[in-house]
Amino acid sequence: MNLNFSGLSKEYEGRTIFHNIRGQINNGDKIGLIGANGVGKTTLVKLLTGREDKDAGKINYSPSYIKTLYIEQYPEFDGGISVYEDISKFLSQWNGNRNPSDAGDIDAMAKKALSRVGLGEEIWGQQAISLSGGEKTKLVLARIFVCDFDFLILDEPTNHLDMEGYEWLEGFMNSLDKPILAISHDRFFLDNVVNRIWELTQKELKAYQGNYTRYRNQKEIEEKSIAREYDKQQTRIQQLKVMISDRENWYHKAHKSAGQNDYLRARAKKQAGILKAKKSQLERLEKEKIEKPRKEPSPAFDVINKYVSGRRFPRSLIQGKNISKSYGQNQILKDISFNIMRGDKIAVIGGNGSGKTTFLKILCGLYHDYGGSLRISPSVSIAYFSQELENLSYEDNILDNLLTEGASVQESRLLLASLLFRGDDVYQKVANLSMGEKGRVAFAKLILSGANLLVLDEPTNYMDIQSREKVEGALEEFQGSIVFVSHDRYFTKRLASRIFLIEDKKLRVFEGDYEYYLSKFRKKKIDEDKAKQRKNLGESIMKLELELAYLGGKLDQTLDEEEKEELNKRYLEVAKELNKKRKQDKRV
């Protein structure tokens, strides 16, 4: 398969989304499409799949008809349709008017697909629209297994997935031999799955070989090279300007005093030629001027830690003992105990609906109806970042939102600049911002609150990669303690020094970073798989032993030679299979 496009342009209501971009996708390509929010990533995908019309450019497919499966970020489900009905309906539509038997049994395929993505039979009859975010993601990903396609496009495929969902999706993507284009802000996913990065900006679509980390390294080298070339060009421009100014002064003086002196007139004429050449060089450089690299503002570390540094805190900030929490008859947490220590950066992880947000709200004193005890040191000041961004005043502008925390205009602007709000950006009304921008403002307010313990619930939701990296940089330098929930594994890997895993209503503490947790998680999964394999082998061996005993008894009783031959044949087959299973059991 080959897909290539050139001169591709698109406008909406007079606003240019992108202009004259080009790209190519071949067999074996697994491409991660990245770029700032609103830059046109989803628009590009819709043009490539024919869901929207291009304004200019060419898109060529080889072969001329390519079956493309597009998994959207925000799937829509028909009201009243069940989980099973949704996947069955999709399967029928994808296969068109063909006889269902040509594509296999629809019922069996639908059930197999749902099972493969981890959606159990207990929810097959549930309305699709009522599923959790992670379950909805799994339901649309199940479509991958019920249709034949040449090219797969995924828009934010890891949204809302839990750890097992991530592991499954990445394993499947790596095993797939079809070309893939994935829009994603999940840098961990981009590191583990893709072999090329497309970076879409307002000016161009640029391709890089390798995964996200390799792209970042290439980008850093590129930015340093551009900075050097810019400085070199600026130096040359200044040199030319000085030379032109000096020669102009000399020329005017020489021309004035030359009179009828042929020698001086000749020299003045020669200088006029040199002057003209220097001016041409300057014009050419000005025309080919390298754009000044944008210098990233200081991360404002002094502002970030103003209220934290220099203060002494006890070693233990919060102690929880036998904490339990229920919603009606549904128990979420059961007898969990923990310590949050000075300097901790704790990632709270667990499956969707496991109680992570409930745990954070208990820490922040937002819930009081729980069992057990929670002891918080009097010196601890907690600031809570919720997914709902409740700490924002939507009718005020960005700067005014921060000034309410008692910071000066200079401090507020310095912090906002480090979070990508520069110049007049700070006067934008919060209500008019995107969700990612609102998240950055809410985070800035939190930093300026003077809290020494930040409790963060999905702080980078809706943010593009650049915004996430700015927030990460600020949190890395924060000298207080942090407890956070995040689906962004790259964010978790960069920040976490300890892991709290909530699973089956219990809390398990891992005294190490995310890599340490992953090693333990994978070992546990391997052990569980081995245990399951042993159990299955044990059951198979028992069945085979019973059948062998039965066949042995029948052979002793039968007198019919033909029947005896059949029984003996089956006996040898079972004995051979039993021997094979016993060897497998020893290896496991």
Protein backbone atom coordinates (compact mmCIF):
# COMPACT_ATOMS: atom_id res chain seq x y z
CA MET A 1 0.00 0.00 0.00
CA ASN A 2 1.13 3.54 -0.72
CA LEU A 3 -0.59 6.82 0.07
CA ASN A 4 1.00 10.14 -0.83
CA PHE A 5 -0.22 13.72 -0.92
CA SER A 6 1.22 17.07 -1.98
CA GLY A 7 0.13 20.69 -2.07
CA LEU A 8 -2.58 19.88 0.46
CA SER A 9 -4.38 22.96 1.80
CA LYS A 10 -7.45 23.57 3.93
CA GLU A 11 -9.26 26.64 5.24
CA TYR A 12 -12.23 27.09 7.58
CA GLU A 13 -14.17 30.35 7.41
CA GLY A 14 -11.20 32.24 6.00
CA ARG A 15 -8.71 30.79 8.52
CA THR A 16 -5.88 28.74 7.03
CA ILE A 17 -5.53 25.41 8.85
CA PHE A 18 -2.53 24.27 6.82
CA HIS A 19 -1.12 25.16 3.40
CA ASN A 20 0.84 23.26 0.78
CA ILE A 21 1.83 20.27 2.94
CA ARG A 22 3.08 16.93 1.67
CA GLY A 23 3.61 13.44 3.03
CA GLN A 24 3.81 9.73 2.21
CA ILE A 25 2.73 6.50 3.91
CA ASN A 26 4.09 3.09 2.88
CA ASN A 27 3.74 -0.50 4.04
CA GLY A 28 5.51 -0.96 7.36
CA ASP A 29 4.99 2.64 8.44
CA LYS A 30 3.65 3.22 11.95
CA ILE A 31 3.35 6.98 12.13
CA GLY A 32 2.64 9.14 15.17
CA LEU A 33 1.01 12.46 14.20
CA ILE A 34 1.74 15.17 16.76
CA GLY A 35 1.21 18.93 17.00
CA ALA A 36 -0.35 21.65 19.11
CA ASN A 37 -4.08 21.55 19.83
CA GLY A 38 -6.04 23.13 16.98
CA VAL A 39 -3.23 22.85 14.44
CA GLY A 40 -5.29 20.55 12.16
CA LYS A 41 -4.30 16.95 12.93
CA THR A 42 -7.85 15.56 12.84
CA THR A 43 -8.62 17.74 9.79
CA LEU A 44 -5.67 16.18 7.93
CA VAL A 45 -6.94 12.68 8.75
CA LYS A 46 -10.44 13.57 7.54
CA LEU A 47 -9.01 14.80 4.23
CA LEU A 48 -6.98 11.60 3.78
CA THR A 49 -10.08 9.45 4.45
CA GLY A 50 -12.39 11.55 2.25
CA ARG A 51 -14.60 12.65 5.15
CA GLU A 52 -13.89 16.27 4.23
CA ASP A 53 -12.96 17.97 0.95
CA LYS A 54 -9.55 19.53 0.44
CA ASP A 55 -9.25 23.10 -0.88
CA ALA A 56 -6.16 22.31 -2.95
CA GLY A 57 -3.62 19.57 -3.54
CA LYS A 58 -3.51 15.93 -4.61
CA ILE A 59 -4.00 12.68 -2.68
CA ASN A 60 -2.91 9.50 -4.47
CA TYR A 61 -3.66 5.93 -3.37
CA SER A 62 -1.96 2.78 -4.62
CA PRO A 63 -3.88 0.59 -5.22
CA SER A 64 -6.56 3.08 -6.23
CA TYR A 65 -8.95 1.71 -3.59
CA ILE A 66 -7.64 1.37 -0.05
CA LYS A 67 -9.84 0.05 2.74
CA THR A 68 -9.21 2.44 5.63
CA LEU A 69 -10.44 1.83 9.18
CA TYR A 70 -10.69 5.11 11.11
CA ILE A 71 -11.14 4.86 14.88
CA GLU A 72 -12.34 8.31 16.01
CA GLN A 73 -11.48 10.00 19.31
CA TYR A 74 -15.09 10.69 20.27
CA PRO A 75 -17.21 7.83 18.89
CA GLU A 76 -20.97 8.28 18.78
CA PHE A 77 -23.29 5.44 19.75
CA ASP A 78 -26.94 5.10 18.81
CA GLY A 79 -29.28 5.63 21.76
CA GLY A 80 -30.55 2.36 23.18
CA ILE A 81 -28.08 0.15 21.28
CA SER A 82 -26.26 -2.43 23.42
CA VAL A 83 -22.55 -3.18 23.42
CA TYR A 84 -23.09 -6.43 21.52
CA GLU A 85 -25.50 -4.79 19.04
CA ASP A 86 -23.04 -1.97 18.32
CA ILE A 87 -20.18 -4.25 17.34
CA SER A 88 -22.52 -6.57 15.38
CA LYS A 89 -24.01 -3.59 13.52
CA PHE A 90 -20.54 -2.33 12.62
CA LEU A 91 -19.52 -5.78 11.41
CA SER A 92 -22.61 -6.05 9.18
CA GLN A 93 -22.10 -2.55 7.74
CA TRP A 94 -18.41 -3.12 7.07
CA ASN A 95 -19.15 -6.32 5.19
CA GLY A 96 -21.80 -4.53 3.11
CA ASN A 97 -24.17 -6.74 1.16
CA ARG A 98 -21.95 -9.80 1.19
CA ASN A 99 -23.28 -13.04 2.52
CA PRO A 100 -22.41 -13.13 6.25
CA SER A 101 -21.08 -16.64 5.83
CA ASP A 102 -18.36 -15.23 3.55
CA ALA A 103 -17.01 -13.19 6.45
CA GLY A 104 -17.53 -15.90 9.04
CA ASP A 105 -20.22 -16.12 11.63
CA ILE A 106 -21.12 -12.55 12.74
CA ASP A 107 -22.23 -13.62 16.19
CA ALA A 108 -19.01 -15.53 16.90
CA MET A 109 -16.82 -12.76 15.48
CA ALA A 110 -18.56 -10.06 17.54
CA LYS A 111 -18.23 -12.03 20.78
CA LYS A 112 -14.59 -12.89 20.07
CA ALA A 113 -13.76 -9.22 19.36
CA LEU A 114 -15.38 -8.00 22.59
CA SER A 115 -13.53 -10.64 24.59
CA ARG A 116 -10.19 -9.75 22.98
CA VAL A 117 -10.42 -6.11 24.11
CA GLY A 118 -11.39 -7.15 27.64
CA LEU A 119 -15.13 -6.39 27.59
CA GLY A 120 -16.72 -9.27 29.54
CA GLU A 121 -20.07 -10.91 28.85
CA GLU A 122 -21.62 -9.16 31.85
CA ILE A 123 -21.75 -5.84 29.95
CA TRP A 124 -22.63 -7.05 26.44
CA GLY A 125 -26.29 -6.26 27.07
CA GLN A 126 -25.54 -2.84 28.59
CA GLN A 127 -26.26 0.31 26.55
CA ALA A 128 -23.09 1.42 24.74
CA ILE A 129 -23.78 5.06 25.57
CA SER A 130 -23.67 4.27 29.32
CA LEU A 131 -20.15 2.80 29.29
CA SER A 132 -17.22 4.44 31.06
CA GLY A 133 -14.67 6.34 28.97
CA GLY A 134 -12.24 3.42 28.99
CA GLU A 135 -14.95 0.91 28.06
CA LYS A 136 -16.09 3.10 25.15
CA THR A 137 -12.50 3.23 23.90
CA LYS A 138 -12.25 -0.56 24.09
CA LEU A 139 -15.57 -0.97 22.26
CA VAL A 140 -14.44 1.10 19.26
CA LEU A 141 -11.05 -0.66 19.29
CA ALA A 142 -12.92 -3.99 19.02
CA ARG A 143 -13.80 -2.92 15.47
CA ILE A 144 -10.20 -3.71 14.51
CA PHE A 145 -11.00 -7.43 14.92
CA VAL A 146 -14.22 -7.59 12.92
CA CYS A 147 -13.11 -6.16 9.61
CA ASP A 148 -10.41 -6.52 7.01
CA PHE A 149 -8.58 -3.26 6.25
CA ASP A 150 -5.47 -2.02 4.45
CA PHE A 151 -4.75 1.05 6.55
CA LEU A 152 -5.56 1.87 10.19
CA ILE A 153 -6.03 5.42 11.52
CA LEU A 154 -6.39 6.01 15.26
CA ASP A 155 -7.28 9.32 16.93
CA GLU A 156 -6.07 9.35 20.58
CA PRO A 157 -6.46 5.55 20.98
CA THR A 158 -5.14 5.41 24.57
CA ASN A 159 -7.73 7.83 26.00
CA HIS A 160 -9.15 6.49 29.29
CA LEU A 161 -7.43 3.09 29.00
CA ASP A 162 -6.12 1.41 32.15
CA MET A 163 -2.75 -0.33 32.46
CA GLU A 164 -3.93 -3.64 31.00
CA GLY A 165 -5.62 -1.76 28.16
CA TYR A 166 -2.35 0.02 27.35
CA GLU A 167 -0.37 -3.22 27.42
CA TRP A 168 -2.88 -4.97 25.19
CA LEU A 169 -3.13 -2.11 22.65
CA GLU A 170 0.62 -1.64 22.34
CA GLY A 171 1.19 -5.37 21.95
CA PHE A 172 -1.46 -5.56 19.24
CA MET A 173 -0.14 -2.49 17.38
CA ASN A 174 3.35 -3.97 17.36
CA SER A 175 2.05 -7.28 15.97
CA LEU A 176 -0.02 -5.62 13.21
CA ASP A 177 1.59 -5.74 9.76
CA LYS A 178 -0.62 -3.00 8.29
CA PRO A 179 0.39 0.69 8.03
CA ILE A 180 -0.85 2.83 10.92
CA LEU A 181 -1.34 6.57 11.43
CA ALA A 182 -2.03 7.49 15.06
CA ILE A 183 -2.84 10.95 16.39
CA SER A 184 -1.64 10.85 19.98
CA HIS A 185 -0.44 12.98 22.90
CA ASP A 186 0.61 9.78 24.69
CA ARG A 187 4.40 9.91 24.45
CA PHE A 188 4.79 6.49 26.09
CA PHE A 189 2.60 4.97 23.37
CA LEU A 190 4.54 6.87 20.68
CA ASP A 191 7.80 5.54 22.11
CA ASN A 192 6.61 1.92 22.21
CA VAL A 193 4.69 1.67 18.93
CA VAL A 194 5.62 4.12 16.14
CA ASN A 195 8.65 4.14 13.85
CA ARG A 196 8.07 7.61 12.37
CA ILE A 197 6.84 10.95 13.71
CA TRP A 198 4.92 13.53 11.71
CA GLU A 199 5.01 16.97 13.34
CA LEU A 200 2.26 19.27 12.04
CA THR A 201 2.74 23.01 12.60
CA GLN A 202 1.05 26.08 11.12
CA LYS A 203 3.83 26.20 8.52
CA GLU A 204 4.55 22.62 7.51
CA LEU A 205 4.29 18.88 8.03
CA LYS A 206 7.72 17.55 8.89
CA ALA A 207 8.68 13.86 9.04
CA TYR A 208 11.20 12.33 11.46
CA GLN A 209 12.48 8.75 11.61
CA GLY A 210 12.09 6.82 14.86
CA ASN A 211 9.88 7.00 17.94
CA TYR A 212 9.01 10.03 20.08
CA THR A 213 12.22 10.09 22.14
CA ARG A 214 14.34 9.89 18.99
CA TYR A 215 12.23 12.72 17.49
CA ARG A 216 12.86 14.87 20.58
CA ASN A 217 16.61 14.28 20.29
CA GLN A 218 16.56 15.15 16.58
CA LYS A 219 14.44 18.22 17.30
CA GLU A 220 16.87 19.43 19.96
CA ILE A 221 19.83 19.11 17.58
CA GLU A 222 17.80 20.86 14.87
CA GLU A 223 16.85 23.75 17.17
CA LYS A 224 20.48 24.24 18.28
CA SER A 225 21.62 24.20 14.65
CA ILE A 226 18.99 26.81 13.68
CA ALA A 227 20.04 28.99 16.64
CA ARG A 228 23.69 28.80 15.48
CA GLU A 229 22.74 29.63 11.88
CA TYR A 230 20.58 32.52 13.08
CA ASP A 231 23.43 33.97 15.18
CA LYS A 232 25.85 33.51 12.28
CA GLN A 233 23.49 35.25 9.87
CA GLN A 234 22.80 38.09 12.31
CA THR A 235 26.55 38.63 12.75
CA ARG A 236 26.99 38.78 8.97
CA ILE A 237 24.06 41.21 8.59
CA GLN A 238 25.55 43.53 11.23
CA GLN A 239 28.99 43.32 9.57
CA LEU A 240 27.49 44.24 6.18
CA LYS A 241 25.55 47.14 7.66
CA VAL A 242 28.74 48.55 9.25
CA MET A 243 30.71 48.04 6.03
CA ILE A 244 27.97 49.71 3.95
CA SER A 245 27.76 52.64 6.35
CA ASP A 246 31.57 53.11 6.36
CA ARG A 247 31.83 52.86 2.58
CA GLU A 248 28.89 55.24 2.04
CA ASN A 249 30.60 57.83 4.26
CA TRP A 250 33.92 57.34 2.43
CA TYR A 251 32.22 57.48 -0.98
CA HIS A 252 30.39 60.74 -0.26
CA LYS A 253 33.59 62.37 1.05
CA ALA A 254 35.73 61.02 -1.81
CA HIS A 255 33.17 61.94 -4.47
CA LYS A 256 32.88 65.45 -3.07
CA SER A 257 36.64 66.06 -2.96
CA ALA A 258 37.56 64.23 -6.18
CA GLY A 259 36.67 67.13 -8.48
CA GLN A 260 38.46 66.59 -11.82
CA ASN A 261 41.06 64.21 -10.29
CA ASP A 262 40.75 61.09 -12.45
CA TYR A 263 42.45 58.83 -9.89
CA LEU A 264 40.10 59.83 -7.06
CA ARG A 265 37.09 59.65 -9.38
CA ALA A 266 38.12 56.11 -10.42
CA ARG A 267 38.51 55.08 -6.78
CA ALA A 268 35.12 56.57 -5.89
CA LYS A 269 33.55 54.71 -8.83
CA LYS A 270 35.15 51.44 -7.71
CA GLN A 271 33.85 51.96 -4.16
CA ALA A 272 30.39 52.65 -5.60
CA GLY A 273 30.51 49.23 -7.28
CA ILE A 274 31.65 47.52 -4.05
CA LEU A 275 28.94 49.38 -2.12
CA LYS A 276 26.29 48.19 -4.56
CA ALA A 277 27.51 44.58 -4.23
CA LYS A 278 27.43 44.78 -0.42
CA LYS A 279 23.90 46.19 -0.52
CA SER A 280 22.85 43.31 -2.80
CA GLN A 281 24.35 40.82 -0.33
CA LEU A 282 22.45 42.48 2.51
CA GLU A 283 19.17 42.43 0.55
CA ARG A 284 19.66 38.75 -0.22
CA LEU A 285 20.33 37.93 3.43
CA GLU A 286 17.31 39.98 4.54
CA LYS A 287 15.16 38.14 2.02
CA GLU A 288 16.46 34.73 3.18
CA LYS A 289 16.39 35.76 6.80
CA ILE A 290 16.32 32.89 9.28
CA GLU A 291 13.48 33.32 11.72
CA LYS A 292 14.68 34.09 15.22
CA PRO A 293 14.37 30.95 17.38
CA ARG A 294 11.85 31.55 20.12
CA LYS A 295 13.71 31.53 23.38
CA GLU A 296 11.74 29.58 25.93
CA PRO A 297 11.06 31.72 28.98
CA SER A 298 12.49 30.75 32.34
CA PRO A 299 10.40 28.02 33.98
CA ALA A 300 9.98 30.53 36.83
CA PHE A 301 11.41 28.13 39.42
CA ASP A 302 11.85 30.96 41.94
CA VAL A 303 8.14 31.74 41.68
CA ILE A 304 7.15 28.07 41.82
CA ASN A 305 9.00 27.48 45.07
CA LYS A 306 8.60 30.91 46.66
CA TYR A 307 6.25 29.71 49.41
CA VAL A 308 7.85 26.30 49.88
CA SER A 309 11.64 26.70 50.02
CA GLY A 310 13.20 27.49 53.34
CA ARG A 311 10.30 26.10 55.37
CA ARG A 312 10.72 22.99 57.48
CA PHE A 313 8.13 20.23 57.28
CA PRO A 314 7.77 17.06 59.31
CA ARG A 315 8.96 13.84 57.68
CA SER A 316 5.42 12.42 57.66
CA LEU A 317 2.78 14.73 56.14
CA ILE A 318 -0.32 12.50 56.05
CA GLN A 319 -1.06 9.15 57.69
CA GLY A 320 -4.08 7.10 56.71
CA LYS A 321 -5.13 4.07 58.74
CA ASN A 322 -7.77 1.50 57.73
CA ILE A 323 -9.58 3.95 55.41
CA SER A 324 -12.79 2.56 53.88
CA LYS A 325 -15.26 4.29 51.59
CA SER A 326 -18.56 3.19 50.03
CA TYR A 327 -21.20 4.71 47.80
CA GLY A 328 -24.39 3.10 49.04
CA GLN A 329 -23.88 -0.66 48.75
CA ASN A 330 -20.86 -0.24 46.48
CA GLN A 331 -17.61 -0.36 48.45
CA ILE A 332 -14.71 1.42 46.72
CA LEU A 333 -11.91 1.34 49.30
CA LYS A 334 -11.46 -1.19 52.10
CA ASP A 335 -9.11 -0.82 55.09
CA ILE A 336 -6.29 0.94 53.25
CA SER A 337 -3.34 2.39 55.17
CA PHE A 338 -0.55 4.64 53.91
CA ASN A 339 2.00 7.36 54.70
CA ILE A 340 2.72 10.42 52.55
CA MET A 341 6.21 11.68 53.29
CA ARG A 342 8.08 14.94 52.82
CA GLY A 343 9.33 15.25 49.20
CA ASP A 344 7.13 12.43 47.88
CA LYS A 345 5.90 12.55 44.31
CA ILE A 346 3.30 9.80 44.35
CA ALA A 347 1.43 8.45 41.33
CA VAL A 348 -1.93 6.89 42.23
CA ILE A 349 -2.74 4.29 39.60
CA GLY A 350 -5.41 1.65 39.05
CA GLY A 351 -8.15 0.59 36.69
CA ASN A 352 -11.02 2.84 35.67
CA GLY A 353 -13.49 3.10 38.54
CA SER A 354 -11.02 1.66 41.07
CA GLY A 355 -11.35 4.67 43.40
CA LYS A 356 -8.39 6.90 42.49
CA THR A 357 -10.36 10.18 42.47
CA THR A 358 -12.19 9.09 45.66
CA PHE A 359 -8.79 8.60 47.33
CA LEU A 360 -7.65 12.10 46.29
CA LYS A 361 -10.86 13.71 47.58
CA ILE A 362 -10.46 12.00 50.95
CA LEU A 363 -6.92 13.44 51.20
CA CYS A 364 -8.26 16.92 50.43
CA GLY A 365 -11.05 16.74 53.01
CA LEU A 366 -13.79 16.79 50.37
CA TYR A 367 -15.25 13.56 51.75
CA HIS A 368 -15.90 13.02 55.46
CA ASP A 369 -18.16 9.95 55.39
CA TYR A 370 -15.44 7.31 55.39
CA GLY A 371 -14.22 4.74 57.88
CA GLY A 372 -10.79 4.75 59.50
CA SER A 373 -8.61 7.69 60.45
CA LEU A 374 -6.68 10.34 58.52
CA ARG A 375 -4.01 12.36 60.32
CA ILE A 376 -2.73 15.48 58.50
CA SER A 377 0.20 17.46 59.91
CA PRO A 378 -0.86 21.02 60.87
CA SER A 379 1.98 22.43 58.73
CA VAL A 380 0.56 20.89 55.54
CA SER A 381 -1.29 23.17 53.13
CA ILE A 382 -3.10 21.23 50.39
CA ALA A 383 -4.10 22.52 46.93
CA TYR A 384 -6.37 20.33 44.80
CA PHE A 385 -6.49 20.26 40.99
CA SER A 386 -9.71 18.60 39.83
CA GLN A 387 -10.61 17.44 36.34
CA GLU A 388 -13.52 19.92 36.47
CA LEU A 389 -11.13 22.92 36.88
CA GLU A 390 -13.25 24.28 39.71
CA ASN A 391 -10.63 26.82 40.86
CA LEU A 392 -11.09 29.07 37.80
CA SER A 393 -13.08 32.28 37.49
CA TYR A 394 -14.37 31.95 33.93
CA GLU A 395 -15.49 35.58 33.54
CA ASP A 396 -12.06 37.01 34.43
CA ASN A 397 -8.98 37.08 32.22
CA ILE A 398 -5.96 34.82 32.74
CA LEU A 399 -3.83 37.36 34.61
CA ASP A 400 -6.64 38.41 36.98
CA ASN A 401 -7.22 34.74 37.86
CA LEU A 402 -3.62 34.52 39.12
CA LEU A 403 -3.59 37.88 40.90
CA THR A 404 -6.33 36.64 43.25
CA GLU A 405 -3.71 34.29 44.76
CA GLY A 406 -1.71 37.25 46.08
CA ALA A 407 1.14 37.09 43.58
CA SER A 408 2.51 40.22 41.94
CA VAL A 409 1.91 41.02 38.27
CA GLN A 410 5.58 40.29 37.52
CA GLU A 411 5.50 36.90 39.27
CA SER A 412 2.22 35.96 37.59
CA ARG A 413 3.46 36.92 34.13
CA LEU A 414 6.74 35.08 34.63
CA LEU A 415 4.93 31.88 35.61
CA LEU A 416 2.38 32.26 32.79
CA ALA A 417 5.18 32.79 30.24
CA SER A 418 6.78 29.52 31.36
CA LEU A 419 3.40 27.87 30.69
CA LEU A 420 3.15 29.31 27.15
CA PHE A 421 0.99 32.41 27.86
CA ARG A 422 3.07 35.27 26.48
CA GLY A 423 2.49 38.97 25.90
CA ASP A 424 -1.15 39.93 25.46
CA ASP A 425 -2.22 36.27 25.81
CA VAL A 426 -2.65 36.91 29.53
CA TYR A 427 -5.61 39.24 28.87
CA GLN A 428 -7.73 36.54 27.26
CA LYS A 429 -10.97 35.73 29.03
CA VAL A 430 -10.79 32.26 30.62
CA ALA A 431 -14.24 31.31 29.28
CA ASN A 432 -12.89 31.63 25.72
CA LEU A 433 -9.90 29.32 26.22
CA SER A 434 -9.59 25.72 25.07
CA MET A 435 -9.75 22.99 27.72
CA GLY A 436 -5.97 22.51 27.56
CA GLU A 437 -5.38 26.25 28.05
CA LYS A 438 -7.81 26.33 30.98
CA GLY A 439 -5.88 23.44 32.51
CA ARG A 440 -2.63 25.42 32.35
CA VAL A 441 -4.27 28.46 33.99
CA ALA A 442 -5.73 26.26 36.75
CA PHE A 443 -2.31 24.72 37.29
CA ALA A 444 -0.66 28.17 37.52
CA LYS A 445 -3.21 29.23 40.16
CA LEU A 446 -2.41 26.11 42.11
CA ILE A 447 1.33 26.86 42.07
CA LEU A 448 0.73 30.39 43.37
CA SER A 449 -1.61 29.23 46.12
CA GLY A 450 1.36 28.66 48.44
CA ALA A 451 0.43 25.00 49.05
CA ASN A 452 3.20 22.57 49.98
CA LEU A 453 1.20 19.48 48.97
CA LEU A 454 -0.32 19.43 45.49
CA VAL A 455 -3.07 16.88 44.85
CA LEU A 456 -3.62 16.60 41.10
CA ASP A 457 -6.38 14.72 39.28
CA GLU A 458 -5.45 14.35 35.58
CA PRO A 459 -3.58 17.69 35.42
CA THR A 460 -2.57 17.32 31.75
CA ASN A 461 -5.95 16.27 30.36
CA TYR A 462 -6.70 18.02 27.04
CA MET A 463 -3.16 19.43 26.84
CA ASP A 464 -0.94 19.00 23.81
CA ILE A 465 2.57 17.59 24.18
CA GLN A 466 4.33 20.96 24.48
CA SER A 467 1.97 22.05 27.28
CA ARG A 468 2.44 18.75 29.12
CA GLU A 469 6.20 19.11 29.02
CA LYS A 470 6.01 22.65 30.45
CA VAL A 471 3.81 21.48 33.34
CA GLU A 472 6.16 18.54 33.95
CA GLY A 473 9.14 20.87 34.08
CA ALA A 474 7.43 23.05 36.70
CA LEU A 475 6.40 20.05 38.82
CA GLU A 476 9.90 18.54 38.67
CA GLU A 477 11.25 21.70 40.31
CA PHE A 478 8.46 21.96 42.89
CA GLN A 479 10.06 21.44 46.30
CA GLY A 480 6.89 20.38 48.08
CA SER A 481 5.12 17.02 47.83
CA ILE A 482 2.77 15.86 45.06
CA VAL A 483 0.10 13.16 44.88
CA PHE A 484 -1.36 12.75 41.40
CA VAL A 485 -3.55 10.65 39.15
CA SER A 486 -2.67 10.63 35.45
CA HIS A 487 -3.31 8.43 32.43
CA ASP A 488 -0.19 9.97 30.87
CA ARG A 489 2.46 7.31 31.48
CA TYR A 490 5.30 9.52 30.21
CA PHE A 491 4.24 12.15 32.77
CA THR A 492 4.10 9.47 35.46
CA LYS A 493 7.49 8.06 34.48
CA ARG A 494 9.10 11.51 34.63
CA LEU A 495 7.64 12.57 37.99
CA ALA A 496 6.78 9.63 40.25
CA SER A 497 9.14 8.56 43.02
CA ARG A 498 6.57 6.19 44.60
CA ILE A 499 3.53 4.33 43.27
CA PHE A 500 0.20 3.76 45.05
CA LEU A 501 -1.77 1.02 43.24
CA ILE A 502 -5.48 0.76 44.03
CA GLU A 503 -6.75 -2.67 43.05
CA ASP A 504 -9.67 -4.74 44.34
CA LYS A 505 -10.48 -2.02 46.95
CA LYS A 506 -6.99 -2.38 48.47
CA LEU A 507 -3.91 -0.15 48.32
CA ARG A 508 -0.50 -1.55 47.44
CA VAL A 509 2.58 0.66 47.80
CA PHE A 510 5.61 0.33 45.50
CA GLU A 511 8.71 1.97 46.97
CA GLY A 512 10.20 2.94 43.65
CA ASP A 513 9.55 4.86 40.44
CA TYR A 514 7.31 3.94 37.51
CA GLU A 515 9.92 1.72 35.85
CA TYR A 516 10.23 -0.22 39.12
CA TYR A 517 6.45 -0.63 39.25
CA LEU A 518 6.31 -1.78 35.62
CA SER A 519 8.94 -4.44 36.25
CA LYS A 520 6.88 -5.73 39.20
CA PHE A 521 3.63 -5.49 37.21
CA ARG A 522 5.07 -7.46 34.30
CA LYS A 523 6.53 -10.09 36.63
CA LYS A 524 3.14 -10.45 38.32
CA LYS A 525 1.46 -10.78 34.91
CA ILE A 526 3.97 -13.44 33.86
CA ASP A 527 3.39 -15.32 37.14
CA GLU A 528 -0.39 -15.07 36.71
CA ASP A 529 -0.15 -16.29 33.11
CA LYS A 530 2.00 -19.21 34.23
CA ALA A 531 -0.43 -20.06 37.03
CA LYS A 532 -3.32 -19.93 34.56
CA GLN A 533 -1.37 -22.06 32.11
CA ARG A 534 -0.57 -24.59 34.85
CA LYS A 535 -4.23 -24.71 35.85
CA ASN A 536 -5.35 -25.25 32.25
CA LEU A 537 -2.67 -27.89 31.71
CA GLY A 538 -3.66 -29.61 34.95
CA GLU A 539 -7.29 -29.75 33.84
CA SER A 540 -6.27 -31.02 30.38
CA ILE A 541 -4.03 -33.70 31.91
CA MET A 542 -6.80 -34.84 34.25
CA LYS A 543 -9.29 -35.12 31.36
CA LEU A 544 -6.80 -37.04 29.23
CA GLU A 545 -5.96 -39.41 32.14
CA LEU A 546 -9.67 -40.09 32.69
CA GLU A 547 -10.20 -40.73 28.98
CA LEU A 548 -7.15 -43.02 28.89
CA ALA A 549 -8.48 -45.03 31.85
CA TYR A 550 -11.90 -45.26 30.19
CA LEU A 551 -10.38 -46.41 26.88
CA GLY A 552 -8.21 -48.97 28.70
CA GLY A 553 -11.29 -50.43 30.39
CA LYS A 554 -13.20 -50.56 27.10
CA LEU A 555 -10.29 -52.32 25.36
CA ASP A 556 -10.32 -55.06 28.03
CA GLN A 557 -14.07 -55.62 27.56
CA THR A 558 -14.64 -55.45 23.78
CA LEU A 559 -14.50 -58.53 21.56
CA ASP A 560 -15.27 -56.80 18.23
CA GLU A 561 -11.98 -56.55 16.30
CA GLU A 562 -13.00 -53.49 14.27
CA GLU A 563 -14.14 -51.62 17.38
CA LYS A 564 -11.00 -52.76 19.22
CA GLU A 565 -8.84 -51.32 16.43
CA GLU A 566 -10.62 -47.94 16.63
CA LEU A 567 -10.31 -47.89 20.45
CA ASN A 568 -6.64 -48.78 20.28
CA LYS A 569 -6.02 -46.02 17.72
CA ARG A 570 -7.73 -43.47 19.97
CA TYR A 571 -5.87 -44.83 23.02
CA LEU A 572 -2.49 -44.21 21.36
CA GLU A 573 -3.56 -40.66 20.30
CA VAL A 574 -4.64 -39.81 23.87
CA ALA A 575 -1.47 -41.33 25.36
CA LYS A 576 0.66 -39.27 22.95
CA GLU A 577 -1.29 -36.05 23.77
CA LEU A 578 -1.03 -36.80 27.53
CA ASN A 579 2.73 -37.26 27.28
CA LYS A 580 3.01 -33.94 25.42
CA LYS A 581 0.93 -32.08 28.05
CA ARG A 582 2.99 -33.56 30.91
CA LYS A 583 6.20 -32.28 29.26
CA GLN A 584 4.63 -28.84 28.87
CA ASP A 585 3.62 -28.88 32.53
CA LYS A 586 7.22 -29.59 33.59
CA ARG A 587 8.52 -26.66 31.48
CA VAL A 588 5.99 -24.23 32.99
